[in-house]
Amino acid sequence: LKWTKSSFSALFRGLQLLARDLNPWRVNDPIENFNNNQQ
């Protein structure tokens, strides 16, 4: 949970969402990994 998002700055994750998914050099996202590891 160290690197997370607030209402205002989460805007940029919205803008960057597809760019991240299309990024061929994509690195691990701690929040995403946390979500995927949960039941």
PDB file of all heavy atoms in Angstrom:
ATOM      1  N   LEU A   1       0.802  -1.213   0.000  1.00  0.00           N
ATOM      2  CA  LEU A   1       0.000   0.000   0.000  1.00  0.00           C
ATOM      3  C   LEU A   1       0.838   1.268   0.000  1.00  0.00           C
ATOM      4  O   LEU A   1       0.316   2.353   0.141  1.00  0.00           O
ATOM      5  CB  LEU A   1      -0.933   0.011   1.217  1.00  0.00           C
ATOM      6  CG  LEU A   1      -2.013  -1.069   1.197  1.00  0.00           C
ATOM      7  CD1 LEU A   1      -2.840  -0.977   2.460  1.00  0.00           C
ATOM      8  CD2 LEU A   1      -2.894  -0.952  -0.023  1.00  0.00           C
ATOM      9  N   LYS A   2       2.137   1.112  -0.155  1.00  0.00           N
ATOM     10  CA  LYS A   2       2.983   2.288  -0.017  1.00  0.00           C
ATOM     11  C   LYS A   2       2.739   3.289  -1.140  1.00  0.00           C
ATOM     12  O   LYS A   2       2.651   4.478  -0.912  1.00  0.00           O
ATOM     13  CB  LYS A   2       4.449   1.872  -0.005  1.00  0.00           C
ATOM     14  CG  LYS A   2       5.387   3.052   0.239  1.00  0.00           C
ATOM     15  CD  LYS A   2       6.814   2.582   0.422  1.00  0.00           C
ATOM     16  CE  LYS A   2       7.739   3.735   0.720  1.00  0.00           C
ATOM     17  NZ  LYS A   2       9.118   3.329   0.926  1.00  0.00           N
ATOM     18  N   TRP A   3       2.627   2.789  -2.367  1.00  0.00           N
ATOM     19  CA  TRP A   3       2.445   3.715  -3.479  1.00  0.00           C
ATOM     20  C   TRP A   3       0.994   3.643  -3.945  1.00  0.00           C
ATOM     21  O   TRP A   3       0.586   2.711  -4.604  1.00  0.00           O
ATOM     22  CB  TRP A   3       3.399   3.351  -4.634  1.00  0.00           C
ATOM     23  CG  TRP A   3       4.795   3.343  -4.165  1.00  0.00           C
ATOM     24  CD1 TRP A   3       5.631   2.279  -4.059  1.00  0.00           C
ATOM     25  CD2 TRP A   3       5.533   4.458  -3.667  1.00  0.00           C
ATOM     26  NE1 TRP A   3       6.822   2.659  -3.542  1.00  0.00           N
ATOM     27  CE2 TRP A   3       6.809   3.985  -3.301  1.00  0.00           C
ATOM     28  CE3 TRP A   3       5.239   5.812  -3.499  1.00  0.00           C
ATOM     29  CZ2 TRP A   3       7.780   4.826  -2.776  1.00  0.00           C
ATOM     30  CZ3 TRP A   3       6.210   6.640  -2.981  1.00  0.00           C
ATOM     31  CH2 TRP A   3       7.466   6.141  -2.633  1.00  0.00           C
ATOM     32  N   THR A   4       0.229   4.622  -3.568  1.00  0.00           N
ATOM     33  CA  THR A   4      -1.195   4.575  -3.838  1.00  0.00           C
ATOM     34  C   THR A   4      -1.670   5.906  -4.383  1.00  0.00           C
ATOM     35  O   THR A   4      -0.886   6.794  -4.670  1.00  0.00           O
ATOM     36  CB  THR A   4      -1.963   4.218  -2.560  1.00  0.00           C
ATOM     37  OG1 THR A   4      -1.548   5.132  -1.534  1.00  0.00           O
ATOM     38  CG2 THR A   4      -1.638   2.807  -2.120  1.00  0.00           C
ATOM     39  N   LYS A   5      -3.003   6.076  -4.475  1.00  0.00           N
ATOM     40  CA  LYS A   5      -3.538   7.185  -5.256  1.00  0.00           C
ATOM     41  C   LYS A   5      -4.591   7.960  -4.496  1.00  0.00           C
ATOM     42  O   LYS A   5      -5.390   7.404  -3.807  1.00  0.00           O
ATOM     43  CB  LYS A   5      -4.158   6.658  -6.550  1.00  0.00           C
ATOM     44  CG  LYS A   5      -3.355   5.554  -7.222  1.00  0.00           C
ATOM     45  CD  LYS A   5      -4.151   4.292  -7.276  1.00  0.00           C
ATOM     46  CE  LYS A   5      -3.358   3.163  -7.937  1.00  0.00           C
ATOM     47  NZ  LYS A   5      -3.868   1.870  -7.663  1.00  0.00           N
ATOM     48  N   SER A   6      -4.640   9.262  -4.696  1.00  0.00           N
ATOM     49  CA  SER A   6      -5.691  10.080  -4.099  1.00  0.00           C
ATOM     50  C   SER A   6      -6.657  10.530  -5.176  1.00  0.00           C
ATOM     51  O   SER A   6      -6.428  10.330  -6.354  1.00  0.00           O
ATOM     52  CB  SER A   6      -5.088  11.317  -3.425  1.00  0.00           C
ATOM     53  OG  SER A   6      -4.690  12.233  -4.392  1.00  0.00           O
ATOM     54  N   SER A   7      -7.713  11.176  -4.767  1.00  0.00           N
ATOM     55  CA  SER A   7      -8.741  11.557  -5.722  1.00  0.00           C
ATOM     56  C   SER A   7      -8.209  12.481  -6.804  1.00  0.00           C
ATOM     57  O   SER A   7      -8.512  12.308  -7.978  1.00  0.00           O
ATOM     58  CB  SER A   7      -9.898  12.230  -5.007  1.00  0.00           C
ATOM     59  OG  SER A   7      -9.447  13.346  -4.282  1.00  0.00           O
ATOM     60  N   PHE A   8      -7.418  13.476  -6.411  1.00  0.00           N
ATOM     61  CA  PHE A   8      -6.956  14.425  -7.422  1.00  0.00           C
ATOM     62  C   PHE A   8      -5.844  13.816  -8.267  1.00  0.00           C
ATOM     63  O   PHE A   8      -5.903  13.835  -9.483  1.00  0.00           O
ATOM     64  CB  PHE A   8      -6.457  15.710  -6.755  1.00  0.00           C
ATOM     65  CG  PHE A   8      -6.564  16.884  -7.682  1.00  0.00           C
ATOM     66  CD1 PHE A   8      -7.597  17.793  -7.535  1.00  0.00           C
ATOM     67  CD2 PHE A   8      -5.658  17.060  -8.698  1.00  0.00           C
ATOM     68  CE1 PHE A   8      -7.706  18.868  -8.389  1.00  0.00           C
ATOM     69  CE2 PHE A   8      -5.759  18.134  -9.556  1.00  0.00           C
ATOM     70  CZ  PHE A   8      -6.789  19.037  -9.400  1.00  0.00           C
ATOM     71  N   SER A   9      -4.841  13.248  -7.630  1.00  0.00           N
ATOM     72  CA  SER A   9      -3.720  12.753  -8.409  1.00  0.00           C
ATOM     73  C   SER A   9      -4.009  11.429  -9.070  1.00  0.00           C
ATOM     74  O   SER A   9      -3.300  11.032  -9.995  1.00  0.00           O
ATOM     75  CB  SER A   9      -2.479  12.631  -7.524  1.00  0.00           C
ATOM     76  OG  SER A   9      -2.779  11.892  -6.376  1.00  0.00           O
ATOM     77  N   ALA A  10      -5.065  10.723  -8.651  1.00  0.00           N
ATOM     78  CA  ALA A  10      -5.444   9.496  -9.346  1.00  0.00           C
ATOM     79  C   ALA A  10      -5.865   9.799 -10.777  1.00  0.00           C
ATOM     80  O   ALA A  10      -5.905   8.919 -11.617  1.00  0.00           O
ATOM     81  CB  ALA A  10      -6.574   8.792  -8.622  1.00  0.00           C
ATOM     82  N   LEU A  11      -6.189  11.042 -11.044  1.00  0.00           N
ATOM     83  CA  LEU A  11      -6.463  11.465 -12.406  1.00  0.00           C
ATOM     84  C   LEU A  11      -5.373  10.978 -13.339  1.00  0.00           C
ATOM     85  O   LEU A  11      -5.634  10.490 -14.435  1.00  0.00           O
ATOM     86  CB  LEU A  11      -6.533  12.990 -12.424  1.00  0.00           C
ATOM     87  CG  LEU A  11      -6.262  13.695 -13.748  1.00  0.00           C
ATOM     88  CD1 LEU A  11      -7.323  13.311 -14.742  1.00  0.00           C
ATOM     89  CD2 LEU A  11      -6.254  15.178 -13.536  1.00  0.00           C
ATOM     90  N   PHE A  12      -4.141  11.073 -12.915  1.00  0.00           N
ATOM     91  CA  PHE A  12      -3.053  10.734 -13.799  1.00  0.00           C
ATOM     92  C   PHE A  12      -2.950   9.244 -14.017  1.00  0.00           C
ATOM     93  O   PHE A  12      -2.549   8.798 -15.066  1.00  0.00           O
ATOM     94  CB  PHE A  12      -1.754  11.304 -13.244  1.00  0.00           C
ATOM     95  CG  PHE A  12      -1.808  12.781 -13.298  1.00  0.00           C
ATOM     96  CD1 PHE A  12      -2.205  13.494 -12.199  1.00  0.00           C
ATOM     97  CD2 PHE A  12      -1.551  13.452 -14.458  1.00  0.00           C
ATOM     98  CE1 PHE A  12      -2.318  14.844 -12.249  1.00  0.00           C
ATOM     99  CE2 PHE A  12      -1.662  14.818 -14.518  1.00  0.00           C
ATOM    100  CZ  PHE A  12      -2.043  15.514 -13.411  1.00  0.00           C
ATOM    101  N   ARG A  13      -3.336   8.464 -13.003  1.00  0.00           N
ATOM    102  CA  ARG A  13      -3.370   7.032 -13.245  1.00  0.00           C
ATOM    103  C   ARG A  13      -4.461   6.733 -14.266  1.00  0.00           C
ATOM    104  O   ARG A  13      -4.319   5.827 -15.070  1.00  0.00           O
ATOM    105  CB  ARG A  13      -3.626   6.279 -11.948  1.00  0.00           C
ATOM    106  CG  ARG A  13      -2.459   6.342 -10.982  1.00  0.00           C
ATOM    107  CD  ARG A  13      -1.300   5.537 -11.472  1.00  0.00           C
ATOM    108  NE  ARG A  13      -1.451   4.149 -11.146  1.00  0.00           N
ATOM    109  CZ  ARG A  13      -0.450   3.282 -11.090  1.00  0.00           C
ATOM    110  NH1 ARG A  13       0.776   3.682 -11.333  1.00  0.00           N
ATOM    111  NH2 ARG A  13      -0.660   2.036 -10.798  1.00  0.00           N
ATOM    112  N   GLY A  14      -5.542   7.501 -14.235  1.00  0.00           N
ATOM    113  CA  GLY A  14      -6.568   7.313 -15.248  1.00  0.00           C
ATOM    114  C   GLY A  14      -6.039   7.601 -16.637  1.00  0.00           C
ATOM    115  O   GLY A  14      -6.229   6.831 -17.568  1.00  0.00           O
ATOM    116  N   LEU A  15      -5.339   8.709 -16.770  1.00  0.00           N
ATOM    117  CA  LEU A  15      -4.754   9.060 -18.061  1.00  0.00           C
ATOM    118  C   LEU A  15      -3.708   8.033 -18.491  1.00  0.00           C
ATOM    119  O   LEU A  15      -3.544   7.744 -19.665  1.00  0.00           O
ATOM    120  CB  LEU A  15      -4.094  10.439 -17.954  1.00  0.00           C
ATOM    121  CG  LEU A  15      -5.010  11.645 -17.836  1.00  0.00           C
ATOM    122  CD1 LEU A  15      -4.203  12.881 -17.481  1.00  0.00           C
ATOM    123  CD2 LEU A  15      -5.747  11.865 -19.130  1.00  0.00           C
ATOM    124  N   GLN A  16      -2.997   7.474 -17.499  1.00  0.00           N
ATOM    125  CA  GLN A  16      -1.873   6.606 -17.809  1.00  0.00           C
ATOM    126  C   GLN A  16      -2.244   5.127 -17.858  1.00  0.00           C
ATOM    127  O   GLN A  16      -1.405   4.275 -18.133  1.00  0.00           O
ATOM    128  CB  GLN A  16      -0.770   6.811 -16.767  1.00  0.00           C
ATOM    129  CG  GLN A  16      -0.225   8.216 -16.792  1.00  0.00           C
ATOM    130  CD  GLN A  16       0.193   8.699 -15.434  1.00  0.00           C
ATOM    131  OE1 GLN A  16       0.020   8.016 -14.425  1.00  0.00           O
ATOM    132  NE2 GLN A  16       0.730   9.899 -15.366  1.00  0.00           N
ATOM    133  N   LEU A  17      -3.523   4.818 -17.577  1.00  0.00           N
ATOM    134  CA  LEU A  17      -3.943   3.431 -17.460  1.00  0.00           C
ATOM    135  C   LEU A  17      -3.598   2.619 -18.704  1.00  0.00           C
ATOM    136  O   LEU A  17      -2.893   1.623 -18.633  1.00  0.00           O
ATOM    137  CB  LEU A  17      -5.454   3.379 -17.206  1.00  0.00           C
ATOM    138  CG  LEU A  17      -6.068   1.988 -17.226  1.00  0.00           C
ATOM    139  CD1 LEU A  17      -5.550   1.188 -16.040  1.00  0.00           C
ATOM    140  CD2 LEU A  17      -7.582   2.079 -17.199  1.00  0.00           C
ATOM    141  N   LEU A  18      -4.118   3.050 -19.863  1.00  0.00           N
ATOM    142  CA  LEU A  18      -3.869   2.279 -21.067  1.00  0.00           C
ATOM    143  C   LEU A  18      -2.416   2.387 -21.510  1.00  0.00           C
ATOM    144  O   LEU A  18      -1.848   1.442 -22.054  1.00  0.00           O
ATOM    145  CB  LEU A  18      -4.800   2.743 -22.185  1.00  0.00           C
ATOM    146  CG  LEU A  18      -6.267   2.354 -21.978  1.00  0.00           C
ATOM    147  CD1 LEU A  18      -7.116   2.880 -23.126  1.00  0.00           C
ATOM    148  CD2 LEU A  18      -6.408   0.849 -21.882  1.00  0.00           C
ATOM    149  N   ALA A  19      -1.806   3.540 -21.266  1.00  0.00           N
ATOM    150  CA  ALA A  19      -0.394   3.685 -21.611  1.00  0.00           C
ATOM    151  C   ALA A  19       0.445   2.668 -20.857  1.00  0.00           C
ATOM    152  O   ALA A  19       1.358   2.054 -21.401  1.00  0.00           O
ATOM    153  CB  ALA A  19       0.079   5.097 -21.288  1.00  0.00           C
ATOM    154  N   ARG A  20       0.116   2.448 -19.582  1.00  0.00           N
ATOM    155  CA  ARG A  20       0.831   1.455 -18.783  1.00  0.00           C
ATOM    156  C   ARG A  20       0.616   0.060 -19.346  1.00  0.00           C
ATOM    157  O   ARG A  20       1.530  -0.740 -19.474  1.00  0.00           O
ATOM    158  CB  ARG A  20       0.347   1.524 -17.343  1.00  0.00           C
ATOM    159  CG  ARG A  20       1.045   0.561 -16.408  1.00  0.00           C
ATOM    160  CD  ARG A  20       0.249   0.350 -15.130  1.00  0.00           C
ATOM    161  NE  ARG A  20      -1.024  -0.296 -15.448  1.00  0.00           N
ATOM    162  CZ  ARG A  20      -1.952  -0.542 -14.554  1.00  0.00           C
ATOM    163  NH1 ARG A  20      -1.798  -0.175 -13.307  1.00  0.00           N
ATOM    164  NH2 ARG A  20      -3.083  -1.137 -14.913  1.00  0.00           N
ATOM    165  N   ASP A  21      -0.652  -0.257 -19.709  1.00  0.00           N
ATOM    166  CA  ASP A  21      -0.957  -1.587 -20.207  1.00  0.00           C
ATOM    167  C   ASP A  21      -0.299  -1.855 -21.549  1.00  0.00           C
ATOM    168  O   ASP A  21       0.038  -3.006 -21.871  1.00  0.00           O
ATOM    169  CB  ASP A  21      -2.470  -1.756 -20.340  1.00  0.00           C
ATOM    170  CG  ASP A  21      -3.161  -1.780 -18.984  1.00  0.00           C
ATOM    171  OD1 ASP A  21      -2.458  -2.063 -17.996  1.00  0.00           O
ATOM    172  OD2 ASP A  21      -4.374  -1.513 -18.919  1.00  0.00           O
ATOM    173  N   LEU A  22      -0.117  -0.787 -22.347  1.00  0.00           N
ATOM    174  CA  LEU A  22       0.510  -0.945 -23.654  1.00  0.00           C
ATOM    175  C   LEU A  22       2.031  -0.862 -23.602  1.00  0.00           C
ATOM    176  O   LEU A  22       2.699  -1.106 -24.601  1.00  0.00           O
ATOM    177  CB  LEU A  22      -0.015   0.139 -24.606  1.00  0.00           C
ATOM    178  CG  LEU A  22      -1.512   0.047 -24.959  1.00  0.00           C
ATOM    179  CD1 LEU A  22      -1.936   1.288 -25.719  1.00  0.00           C
ATOM    180  CD2 LEU A  22      -1.800  -1.198 -25.760  1.00  0.00           C
ATOM    181  N   ASN A  23       2.574  -0.528 -22.437  1.00  0.00           N
ATOM    182  CA  ASN A  23       4.006  -0.307 -22.304  1.00  0.00           C
ATOM    183  C   ASN A  23       4.770  -1.621 -22.389  1.00  0.00           C
ATOM    184  O   ASN A  23       4.625  -2.499 -21.540  1.00  0.00           O
ATOM    185  CB  ASN A  23       4.282   0.366 -20.959  1.00  0.00           C
ATOM    186  CG  ASN A  23       5.756   0.694 -20.775  1.00  0.00           C
ATOM    187  OD1 ASN A  23       6.546   0.534 -21.693  1.00  0.00           O
ATOM    188  ND2 ASN A  23       6.095   1.143 -19.580  1.00  0.00           N
ATOM    189  N   PRO A  24       5.617  -1.816 -23.382  1.00  0.00           N
ATOM    190  CA  PRO A  24       6.344  -3.082 -23.508  1.00  0.00           C
ATOM    191  C   PRO A  24       7.410  -3.256 -22.446  1.00  0.00           C
ATOM    192  O   PRO A  24       7.892  -4.365 -22.225  1.00  0.00           O
ATOM    193  CB  PRO A  24       6.979  -2.975 -24.909  1.00  0.00           C
ATOM    194  CG  PRO A  24       7.094  -1.506 -25.155  1.00  0.00           C
ATOM    195  CD  PRO A  24       5.911  -0.886 -24.474  1.00  0.00           C
ATOM    196  N   TRP A  25       7.794  -2.148 -21.753  1.00  0.00           N
ATOM    197  CA  TRP A  25       8.806  -2.227 -20.709  1.00  0.00           C
ATOM    198  C   TRP A  25       8.178  -2.153 -19.334  1.00  0.00           C
ATOM    199  O   TRP A  25       8.790  -1.716 -18.368  1.00  0.00           O
ATOM    200  CB  TRP A  25       9.816  -1.102 -20.873  1.00  0.00           C
ATOM    201  CG  TRP A  25      10.426  -1.077 -22.233  1.00  0.00           C
ATOM    202  CD1 TRP A  25      11.398  -1.879 -22.710  1.00  0.00           C
ATOM    203  CD2 TRP A  25      10.079  -0.190 -23.298  1.00  0.00           C
ATOM    204  NE1 TRP A  25      11.681  -1.561 -24.010  1.00  0.00           N
ATOM    205  CE2 TRP A  25      10.892  -0.519 -24.401  1.00  0.00           C
ATOM    206  CE3 TRP A  25       9.143   0.847 -23.429  1.00  0.00           C
ATOM    207  CZ2 TRP A  25      10.811   0.133 -25.609  1.00  0.00           C
ATOM    208  CZ3 TRP A  25       9.061   1.496 -24.638  1.00  0.00           C
ATOM    209  CH2 TRP A  25       9.885   1.140 -25.706  1.00  0.00           C
ATOM    210  N   ARG A  26       6.926  -2.553 -19.225  1.00  0.00           N
ATOM    211  CA  ARG A  26       6.138  -2.391 -18.015  1.00  0.00           C
ATOM    212  C   ARG A  26       6.834  -3.017 -16.810  1.00  0.00           C
ATOM    213  O   ARG A  26       7.341  -4.132 -16.867  1.00  0.00           O
ATOM    214  CB  ARG A  26       4.783  -3.056 -18.231  1.00  0.00           C
ATOM    215  CG  ARG A  26       3.831  -2.957 -17.077  1.00  0.00           C
ATOM    216  CD  ARG A  26       2.522  -3.563 -17.521  1.00  0.00           C
ATOM    217  NE  ARG A  26       1.573  -3.636 -16.432  1.00  0.00           N
ATOM    218  CZ  ARG A  26       0.359  -4.134 -16.587  1.00  0.00           C
ATOM    219  NH1 ARG A  26      -0.030  -4.574 -17.756  1.00  0.00           N
ATOM    220  NH2 ARG A  26      -0.459  -4.184 -15.567  1.00  0.00           N
ATOM    221  N   VAL A  27       6.850  -2.270 -15.700  1.00  0.00           N
ATOM    222  CA  VAL A  27       7.422  -2.794 -14.464  1.00  0.00           C
ATOM    223  C   VAL A  27       6.303  -3.137 -13.510  1.00  0.00           C
ATOM    224  O   VAL A  27       5.148  -2.801 -13.719  1.00  0.00           O
ATOM    225  CB  VAL A  27       8.364  -1.752 -13.804  1.00  0.00           C
ATOM    226  CG1 VAL A  27       9.501  -1.403 -14.728  1.00  0.00           C
ATOM    227  CG2 VAL A  27       7.587  -0.496 -13.405  1.00  0.00           C
ATOM    228  N   ASN A  28       6.655  -3.832 -12.428  1.00  0.00           N
ATOM    229  CA  ASN A  28       5.648  -4.256 -11.476  1.00  0.00           C
ATOM    230  C   ASN A  28       4.990  -3.078 -10.791  1.00  0.00           C
ATOM    231  O   ASN A  28       5.640  -2.112 -10.434  1.00  0.00           O
ATOM    232  CB  ASN A  28       6.277  -5.168 -10.417  1.00  0.00           C
ATOM    233  CG  ASN A  28       6.652  -6.516 -11.003  1.00  0.00           C
ATOM    234  OD1 ASN A  28       6.077  -6.947 -11.986  1.00  0.00           O
ATOM    235  ND2 ASN A  28       7.631  -7.166 -10.400  1.00  0.00           N
ATOM    236  N   ASP A  29       3.692  -3.165 -10.613  1.00  0.00           N
ATOM    237  CA  ASP A  29       2.912  -2.176  -9.887  1.00  0.00           C
ATOM    238  C   ASP A  29       2.504  -2.798  -8.567  1.00  0.00           C
ATOM    239  O   ASP A  29       1.767  -3.764  -8.545  1.00  0.00           O
ATOM    240  CB  ASP A  29       1.672  -1.808 -10.717  1.00  0.00           C
ATOM    241  CG  ASP A  29       0.853  -0.703 -10.085  1.00  0.00           C
ATOM    242  OD1 ASP A  29       0.840  -0.622  -8.837  1.00  0.00           O
ATOM    243  OD2 ASP A  29       0.208   0.061 -10.828  1.00  0.00           O
ATOM    244  N   PRO A  30       2.986  -2.282  -7.417  1.00  0.00           N
ATOM    245  CA  PRO A  30       2.693  -2.920  -6.139  1.00  0.00           C
ATOM    246  C   PRO A  30       1.203  -3.049  -5.866  1.00  0.00           C
ATOM    247  O   PRO A  30       0.751  -4.055  -5.359  1.00  0.00           O
ATOM    248  CB  PRO A  30       3.363  -1.979  -5.114  1.00  0.00           C
ATOM    249  CG  PRO A  30       4.411  -1.254  -5.883  1.00  0.00           C
ATOM    250  CD  PRO A  30       3.881  -1.127  -7.272  1.00  0.00           C
ATOM    251  N   ILE A  31       0.418  -2.014  -6.198  1.00  0.00           N
ATOM    252  CA  ILE A  31      -1.018  -2.090  -5.948  1.00  0.00           C
ATOM    253  C   ILE A  31      -1.647  -3.160  -6.808  1.00  0.00           C
ATOM    254  O   ILE A  31      -2.484  -3.949  -6.369  1.00  0.00           O
ATOM    255  CB  ILE A  31      -1.671  -0.731  -6.227  1.00  0.00           C
ATOM    256  CG1 ILE A  31      -1.292   0.239  -5.122  1.00  0.00           C
ATOM    257  CG2 ILE A  31      -3.185  -0.845  -6.327  1.00  0.00           C
ATOM    258  CD1 ILE A  31      -1.899  -0.103  -3.781  1.00  0.00           C
ATOM    259  N   GLU A  32      -1.243  -3.216  -8.089  1.00  0.00           N
ATOM    260  CA  GLU A  32      -1.825  -4.195  -8.982  1.00  0.00           C
ATOM    261  C   GLU A  32      -1.470  -5.604  -8.521  1.00  0.00           C
ATOM    262  O   GLU A  32      -2.310  -6.503  -8.505  1.00  0.00           O
ATOM    263  CB  GLU A  32      -1.316  -3.963 -10.413  1.00  0.00           C
ATOM    264  CG  GLU A  32      -1.917  -4.937 -11.419  1.00  0.00           C
ATOM    265  CD  GLU A  32      -1.370  -4.701 -12.806  1.00  0.00           C
ATOM    266  OE1 GLU A  32      -0.172  -4.438 -12.927  1.00  0.00           O
ATOM    267  OE2 GLU A  32      -2.159  -4.787 -13.756  1.00  0.00           O
ATOM    268  N   ASN A  33      -0.222  -5.810  -8.133  1.00  0.00           N
ATOM    269  CA  ASN A  33       0.172  -7.119  -7.636  1.00  0.00           C
ATOM    270  C   ASN A  33      -0.601  -7.488  -6.388  1.00  0.00           C
ATOM    271  O   ASN A  33      -0.995  -8.635  -6.188  1.00  0.00           O
ATOM    272  CB  ASN A  33       1.679  -7.126  -7.336  1.00  0.00           C
ATOM    273  CG  ASN A  33       2.507  -6.992  -8.602  1.00  0.00           C
ATOM    274  OD1 ASN A  33       2.009  -7.243  -9.694  1.00  0.00           O
ATOM    275  ND2 ASN A  33       3.755  -6.576  -8.451  1.00  0.00           N
ATOM    276  N   PHE A  34      -0.825  -6.496  -5.523  1.00  0.00           N
ATOM    277  CA  PHE A  34      -1.591  -6.741  -4.303  1.00  0.00           C
ATOM    278  C   PHE A  34      -3.006  -7.194  -4.658  1.00  0.00           C
ATOM    279  O   PHE A  34      -3.528  -8.152  -4.097  1.00  0.00           O
ATOM    280  CB  PHE A  34      -1.646  -5.460  -3.481  1.00  0.00           C
ATOM    281  CG  PHE A  34      -2.442  -5.574  -2.207  1.00  0.00           C
ATOM    282  CD1 PHE A  34      -2.023  -6.410  -1.199  1.00  0.00           C
ATOM    283  CD2 PHE A  34      -3.605  -4.845  -2.044  1.00  0.00           C
ATOM    284  CE1 PHE A  34      -2.745  -6.504  -0.019  1.00  0.00           C
ATOM    285  CE2 PHE A  34      -4.328  -4.947  -0.875  1.00  0.00           C
ATOM    286  CZ  PHE A  34      -3.901  -5.770   0.142  1.00  0.00           C
ATOM    287  N   ASN A  35      -3.627  -6.518  -5.646  1.00  0.00           N
ATOM    288  CA  ASN A  35      -4.981  -6.892  -6.041  1.00  0.00           C
ATOM    289  C   ASN A  35      -5.013  -8.302  -6.600  1.00  0.00           C
ATOM    290  O   ASN A  35      -5.884  -9.101  -6.273  1.00  0.00           O
ATOM    291  CB  ASN A  35      -5.509  -5.926  -7.119  1.00  0.00           C
ATOM    292  CG  ASN A  35      -5.724  -4.529  -6.574  1.00  0.00           C
ATOM    293  OD1 ASN A  35      -5.753  -4.341  -5.373  1.00  0.00           O
ATOM    294  ND2 ASN A  35      -5.878  -3.571  -7.467  1.00  0.00           N
ATOM    295  N   ASN A  36      -4.043  -8.620  -7.472  1.00  0.00           N
ATOM    296  CA  ASN A  36      -4.065  -9.907  -8.136  1.00  0.00           C
ATOM    297  C   ASN A  36      -3.807 -11.058  -7.183  1.00  0.00           C
ATOM    298  O   ASN A  36      -4.206 -12.196  -7.445  1.00  0.00           O
ATOM    299  CB  ASN A  36      -3.003  -9.935  -9.250  1.00  0.00           C
ATOM    300  CG  ASN A  36      -3.367  -8.988 -10.389  1.00  0.00           C
ATOM    301  OD1 ASN A  36      -4.527  -8.615 -10.547  1.00  0.00           O
ATOM    302  ND2 ASN A  36      -2.382  -8.587 -11.171  1.00  0.00           N
ATOM    303  N   ASN A  37      -3.134 -10.791  -6.082  1.00  0.00           N
ATOM    304  CA  ASN A  37      -2.819 -11.847  -5.132  1.00  0.00           C
ATOM    305  C   ASN A  37      -3.946 -12.117  -4.145  1.00  0.00           C
ATOM    306  O   ASN A  37      -3.863 -13.034  -3.337  1.00  0.00           O
ATOM    307  CB  ASN A  37      -1.553 -11.483  -4.345  1.00  0.00           C
ATOM    308  CG  ASN A  37      -0.323 -11.557  -5.228  1.00  0.00           C
ATOM    309  OD1 ASN A  37      -0.311 -12.269  -6.221  1.00  0.00           O
ATOM    310  ND2 ASN A  37       0.692 -10.776  -4.875  1.00  0.00           N
ATOM    311  N   GLN A  38      -5.009 -11.292  -4.178  1.00  0.00           N
ATOM    312  CA  GLN A  38      -6.095 -11.469  -3.234  1.00  0.00           C
ATOM    313  C   GLN A  38      -7.155 -12.414  -3.779  1.00  0.00           C
ATOM    314  O   GLN A  38      -7.433 -12.443  -4.975  1.00  0.00           O
ATOM    315  CB  GLN A  38      -6.745 -10.115  -2.904  1.00  0.00           C
ATOM    316  CG  GLN A  38      -5.798  -9.122  -2.280  1.00  0.00           C
ATOM    317  CD  GLN A  38      -5.150  -9.646  -1.026  1.00  0.00           C
ATOM    318  OE1 GLN A  38      -5.822 -10.062  -0.099  1.00  0.00           O
ATOM    319  NE2 GLN A  38      -3.843  -9.655  -1.011  1.00  0.00           N
ATOM    320  N   GLN A  39      -7.772 -13.156  -2.900  1.00  0.00           N
ATOM    321  CA  GLN A  39      -8.883 -13.999  -3.261  1.00  0.00           C
ATOM    322  C   GLN A  39     -10.166 -13.152  -3.261  1.00  0.00           C
ATOM    323  O   GLN A  39     -10.243 -12.131  -2.605  1.00  0.00           O
ATOM    324  CB  GLN A  39      -9.014 -15.148  -2.251  1.00  0.00           C
ATOM    325  CG  GLN A  39      -7.792 -16.067  -2.231  1.00  0.00           C
ATOM    326  CD  GLN A  39      -7.562 -16.726  -3.570  1.00  0.00           C
ATOM    327  OE1 GLN A  39      -8.504 -17.189  -4.205  1.00  0.00           O
ATOM    328  NE2 GLN A  39      -6.306 -16.779  -4.002  1.00  0.00           N
TER     329      GLN A  39
END
